[in-house]
Amino acid sequence: MKRGLLFVLPLALVVTACSSGQDQFVKELRSAGFTTVGEPRTDTEKKSKKVGKRTVKSSQRIFEVTVRVKGCDLEFAKTADSSGYWLDELHVNGQEPDWPEYPENLRHADAVALLAGNRPKPPGFASCYRPDLP
């Protein structure tokens, strides 16, 4: 019985830690003025690097949240172990093109200005952008 408890407890702590990090990211986006915030997701990037005769493996958790602004679904991302976030992708027409220059730590007003401005935008942007929507 004790072995089962010893296995379940660390697993529960990992799930709780991941969940609280996601919740914190959602709160961060809401405090930045975004009102239509989707469900958070976690992605894990795995890397391996050859060092001499050994292979060093590492992984990094990335939290992702989709936010709707002016009719466009924007995906913001954040690494689990750092502060700040960046605009990662535009979700449009079943595609997920990367956002040019990956702007960081945008507030809602900054995102609205970015969408309306002349800075580079990903393909498909014109089909979702509706300046009359919040």
C-alpha atoms as a PDB file:
ATOM      1  CA  MET A   1       0.000   0.000   0.000  1.00  0.00           C
ATOM      2  CA  LYS A   2       2.800   2.441   0.858  1.00  0.00           C
ATOM      3  CA  ARG A   3       4.524   1.883  -2.505  1.00  0.00           C
ATOM      4  CA  GLY A   4       1.347   2.815  -4.373  1.00  0.00           C
ATOM      5  CA  LEU A   5       1.026   5.987  -2.318  1.00  0.00           C
ATOM      6  CA  LEU A   6       4.668   6.864  -2.895  1.00  0.00           C
ATOM      7  CA  PHE A   7       4.114   6.605  -6.652  1.00  0.00           C
ATOM      8  CA  VAL A   8       0.808   8.496  -6.778  1.00  0.00           C
ATOM      9  CA  LEU A   9       1.895  11.426  -4.593  1.00  0.00           C
ATOM     10  CA  PRO A  10       4.778  12.673  -6.825  1.00  0.00           C
ATOM     11  CA  LEU A  11       2.587  12.197  -9.904  1.00  0.00           C
ATOM     12  CA  ALA A  12      -0.148  14.310  -8.309  1.00  0.00           C
ATOM     13  CA  LEU A  13       2.388  17.022  -7.446  1.00  0.00           C
ATOM     14  CA  VAL A  14       3.640  17.157 -11.048  1.00  0.00           C
ATOM     15  CA  VAL A  15       0.086  17.451 -12.416  1.00  0.00           C
ATOM     16  CA  THR A  16      -0.735  20.146  -9.848  1.00  0.00           C
ATOM     17  CA  ALA A  17       2.436  22.112 -10.614  1.00  0.00           C
ATOM     18  CA  CYS A  18       1.749  22.025 -14.341  1.00  0.00           C
ATOM     19  CA  SER A  19      -1.859  23.010 -13.811  1.00  0.00           C
ATOM     20  CA  SER A  20      -0.963  25.904 -11.508  1.00  0.00           C
ATOM     21  CA  GLY A  21       1.588  27.173 -14.057  1.00  0.00           C
ATOM     22  CA  GLN A  22      -1.077  27.100 -16.763  1.00  0.00           C
ATOM     23  CA  ASP A  23      -3.574  28.849 -14.479  1.00  0.00           C
ATOM     24  CA  GLN A  24      -0.985  31.498 -13.659  1.00  0.00           C
ATOM     25  CA  PHE A  25      -0.402  32.099 -17.376  1.00  0.00           C
ATOM     26  CA  VAL A  26      -4.158  32.523 -17.970  1.00  0.00           C
ATOM     27  CA  LYS A  27      -4.289  35.020 -15.074  1.00  0.00           C
ATOM     28  CA  GLU A  28      -1.313  36.872 -16.558  1.00  0.00           C
ATOM     29  CA  LEU A  29      -3.091  37.206 -19.920  1.00  0.00           C
ATOM     30  CA  ARG A  30      -6.322  38.327 -18.264  1.00  0.00           C
ATOM     31  CA  SER A  31      -4.464  40.942 -16.230  1.00  0.00           C
ATOM     32  CA  ALA A  32      -2.967  42.171 -19.534  1.00  0.00           C
ATOM     33  CA  GLY A  33      -6.536  42.963 -20.642  1.00  0.00           C
ATOM     34  CA  PHE A  34      -7.417  39.909 -22.739  1.00  0.00           C
ATOM     35  CA  THR A  35     -11.010  38.814 -22.093  1.00  0.00           C
ATOM     36  CA  THR A  36     -11.561  35.893 -24.475  1.00  0.00           C
ATOM     37  CA  VAL A  37      -8.893  33.524 -23.196  1.00  0.00           C
ATOM     38  CA  GLY A  38      -9.074  29.850 -24.224  1.00  0.00           C
ATOM     39  CA  GLU A  39      -8.036  26.715 -22.360  1.00  0.00           C
ATOM     40  CA  PRO A  40      -4.323  26.416 -21.610  1.00  0.00           C
ATOM     41  CA  ARG A  41      -2.263  23.610 -23.143  1.00  0.00           C
ATOM     42  CA  THR A  42       1.206  22.272 -22.410  1.00  0.00           C
ATOM     43  CA  ASP A  43       3.728  21.292 -25.048  1.00  0.00           C
ATOM     44  CA  THR A  44       7.101  19.708 -24.330  1.00  0.00           C
ATOM     45  CA  GLU A  45      10.091  20.440 -26.531  1.00  0.00           C
ATOM     46  CA  LYS A  46      12.774  17.772 -26.357  1.00  0.00           C
ATOM     47  CA  LYS A  47      16.321  18.431 -27.453  1.00  0.00           C
ATOM     48  CA  SER A  48      19.399  16.254 -27.644  1.00  0.00           C
ATOM     49  CA  LYS A  49      22.968  17.344 -28.177  1.00  0.00           C
ATOM     50  CA  LYS A  50      26.079  15.290 -28.759  1.00  0.00           C
ATOM     51  CA  VAL A  51      28.853  16.119 -26.289  1.00  0.00           C
ATOM     52  CA  GLY A  52      31.897  13.995 -26.992  1.00  0.00           C
ATOM     53  CA  LYS A  53      30.712  10.395 -26.940  1.00  0.00           C
ATOM     54  CA  ARG A  54      27.615  11.165 -24.897  1.00  0.00           C
ATOM     55  CA  THR A  55      24.215  12.469 -25.869  1.00  0.00           C
ATOM     56  CA  VAL A  56      22.767  15.040 -23.494  1.00  0.00           C
ATOM     57  CA  LYS A  57      18.982  15.197 -23.529  1.00  0.00           C
ATOM     58  CA  SER A  58      16.859  18.017 -22.181  1.00  0.00           C
ATOM     59  CA  SER A  59      13.235  19.039 -22.294  1.00  0.00           C
ATOM     60  CA  GLN A  60      11.366  22.275 -21.787  1.00  0.00           C
ATOM     61  CA  ARG A  61       7.664  22.716 -20.990  1.00  0.00           C
ATOM     62  CA  ILE A  62       5.859  25.433 -22.894  1.00  0.00           C
ATOM     63  CA  PHE A  63       2.407  26.689 -21.929  1.00  0.00           C
ATOM     64  CA  GLU A  64       0.184  27.802 -24.818  1.00  0.00           C
ATOM     65  CA  VAL A  65      -3.100  29.730 -24.676  1.00  0.00           C
ATOM     66  CA  THR A  66      -5.256  30.934 -27.569  1.00  0.00           C
ATOM     67  CA  VAL A  67      -6.798  34.400 -27.224  1.00  0.00           C
ATOM     68  CA  ARG A  68      -9.327  35.982 -29.597  1.00  0.00           C
ATOM     69  CA  VAL A  69      -8.653  39.607 -30.567  1.00  0.00           C
ATOM     70  CA  LYS A  70     -10.492  41.446 -33.365  1.00  0.00           C
ATOM     71  CA  GLY A  71     -11.731  38.133 -34.816  1.00  0.00           C
ATOM     72  CA  CYS A  72      -8.267  36.547 -34.899  1.00  0.00           C
ATOM     73  CA  ASP A  73      -7.210  33.602 -32.755  1.00  0.00           C
ATOM     74  CA  LEU A  74      -3.730  34.439 -31.469  1.00  0.00           C
ATOM     75  CA  GLU A  75      -1.644  31.821 -29.681  1.00  0.00           C
ATOM     76  CA  PHE A  76       0.532  33.118 -26.878  1.00  0.00           C
ATOM     77  CA  ALA A  77       3.269  30.926 -25.445  1.00  0.00           C
ATOM     78  CA  LYS A  78       5.427  30.934 -22.337  1.00  0.00           C
ATOM     79  CA  THR A  79       8.169  28.651 -21.068  1.00  0.00           C
ATOM     80  CA  ALA A  80       7.299  27.100 -17.734  1.00  0.00           C
ATOM     81  CA  ASP A  81      10.424  28.331 -15.976  1.00  0.00           C
ATOM     82  CA  SER A  82      10.583  31.965 -17.109  1.00  0.00           C
ATOM     83  CA  SER A  83       8.659  35.182 -16.806  1.00  0.00           C
ATOM     84  CA  GLY A  84       7.129  36.869 -19.818  1.00  0.00           C
ATOM     85  CA  TYR A  85       5.370  35.442 -22.871  1.00  0.00           C
ATOM     86  CA  TRP A  86       5.352  35.930 -26.627  1.00  0.00           C
ATOM     87  CA  LEU A  87       2.882  35.966 -29.522  1.00  0.00           C
ATOM     88  CA  ASP A  88       3.629  32.657 -31.208  1.00  0.00           C
ATOM     89  CA  GLU A  89       1.084  31.854 -33.928  1.00  0.00           C
ATOM     90  CA  LEU A  90      -2.072  32.915 -35.711  1.00  0.00           C
ATOM     91  CA  HIS A  91      -4.735  30.206 -35.987  1.00  0.00           C
ATOM     92  CA  VAL A  92      -6.671  30.730 -39.228  1.00  0.00           C
ATOM     93  CA  ASN A  93      -8.295  28.479 -41.844  1.00  0.00           C
ATOM     94  CA  GLY A  94      -6.931  25.335 -40.175  1.00  0.00           C
ATOM     95  CA  GLN A  95      -3.372  26.685 -40.445  1.00  0.00           C
ATOM     96  CA  GLU A  96      -1.024  27.873 -37.694  1.00  0.00           C
ATOM     97  CA  PRO A  97       1.544  30.223 -39.269  1.00  0.00           C
ATOM     98  CA  ASP A  98       4.184  31.660 -36.941  1.00  0.00           C
ATOM     99  CA  TRP A  99       3.872  35.338 -36.082  1.00  0.00           C
ATOM    100  CA  PRO A 100       6.791  37.396 -37.505  1.00  0.00           C
ATOM    101  CA  GLU A 101       9.298  38.660 -34.926  1.00  0.00           C
ATOM    102  CA  TYR A 102       7.428  36.983 -32.016  1.00  0.00           C
ATOM    103  CA  PRO A 103       6.403  40.171 -30.139  1.00  0.00           C
ATOM    104  CA  GLU A 104       6.736  39.811 -26.363  1.00  0.00           C
ATOM    105  CA  ASN A 105       4.583  40.699 -23.353  1.00  0.00           C
ATOM    106  CA  LEU A 106       1.772  42.341 -25.319  1.00  0.00           C
ATOM    107  CA  ARG A 107      -1.137  43.867 -23.463  1.00  0.00           C
ATOM    108  CA  HIS A 108      -4.570  43.898 -25.146  1.00  0.00           C
ATOM    109  CA  ALA A 109      -4.089  47.458 -26.434  1.00  0.00           C
ATOM    110  CA  ASP A 110      -0.665  46.483 -27.834  1.00  0.00           C
ATOM    111  CA  ALA A 111      -2.199  43.501 -29.646  1.00  0.00           C
ATOM    112  CA  VAL A 112      -4.958  45.674 -31.134  1.00  0.00           C
ATOM    113  CA  ALA A 113      -2.337  48.187 -32.318  1.00  0.00           C
ATOM    114  CA  LEU A 114      -0.198  45.369 -33.764  1.00  0.00           C
ATOM    115  CA  LEU A 115      -3.160  43.999 -35.740  1.00  0.00           C
ATOM    116  CA  ALA A 116      -4.098  47.451 -37.077  1.00  0.00           C
ATOM    117  CA  GLY A 117      -0.518  48.586 -37.768  1.00  0.00           C
ATOM    118  CA  ASN A 118       1.799  48.124 -40.725  1.00  0.00           C
ATOM    119  CA  ARG A 119       4.171  45.568 -39.147  1.00  0.00           C
ATOM    120  CA  PRO A 120       4.539  42.196 -40.943  1.00  0.00           C
ATOM    121  CA  LYS A 121       1.723  39.702 -40.409  1.00  0.00           C
ATOM    122  CA  PRO A 122       1.459  35.971 -41.141  1.00  0.00           C
ATOM    123  CA  PRO A 123      -0.367  34.529 -44.165  1.00  0.00           C
ATOM    124  CA  GLY A 124      -4.131  34.328 -43.734  1.00  0.00           C
ATOM    125  CA  PHE A 125      -4.312  37.354 -41.453  1.00  0.00           C
ATOM    126  CA  ALA A 126      -6.623  39.338 -43.758  1.00  0.00           C
ATOM    127  CA  SER A 127      -9.267  36.588 -43.688  1.00  0.00           C
ATOM    128  CA  CYS A 128      -9.744  36.786 -39.906  1.00  0.00           C
ATOM    129  CA  TYR A 129      -9.105  40.436 -38.983  1.00  0.00           C
ATOM    130  CA  ARG A 130     -12.294  42.354 -38.164  1.00  0.00           C
ATOM    131  CA  PRO A 131     -11.511  45.859 -36.850  1.00  0.00           C
ATOM    132  CA  ASP A 132     -15.093  46.319 -35.600  1.00  0.00           C
ATOM    133  CA  LEU A 133     -14.865  43.372 -33.126  1.00  0.00           C
ATOM    134  CA  PRO A 134     -13.436  43.695 -29.586  1.00  0.00           C
END
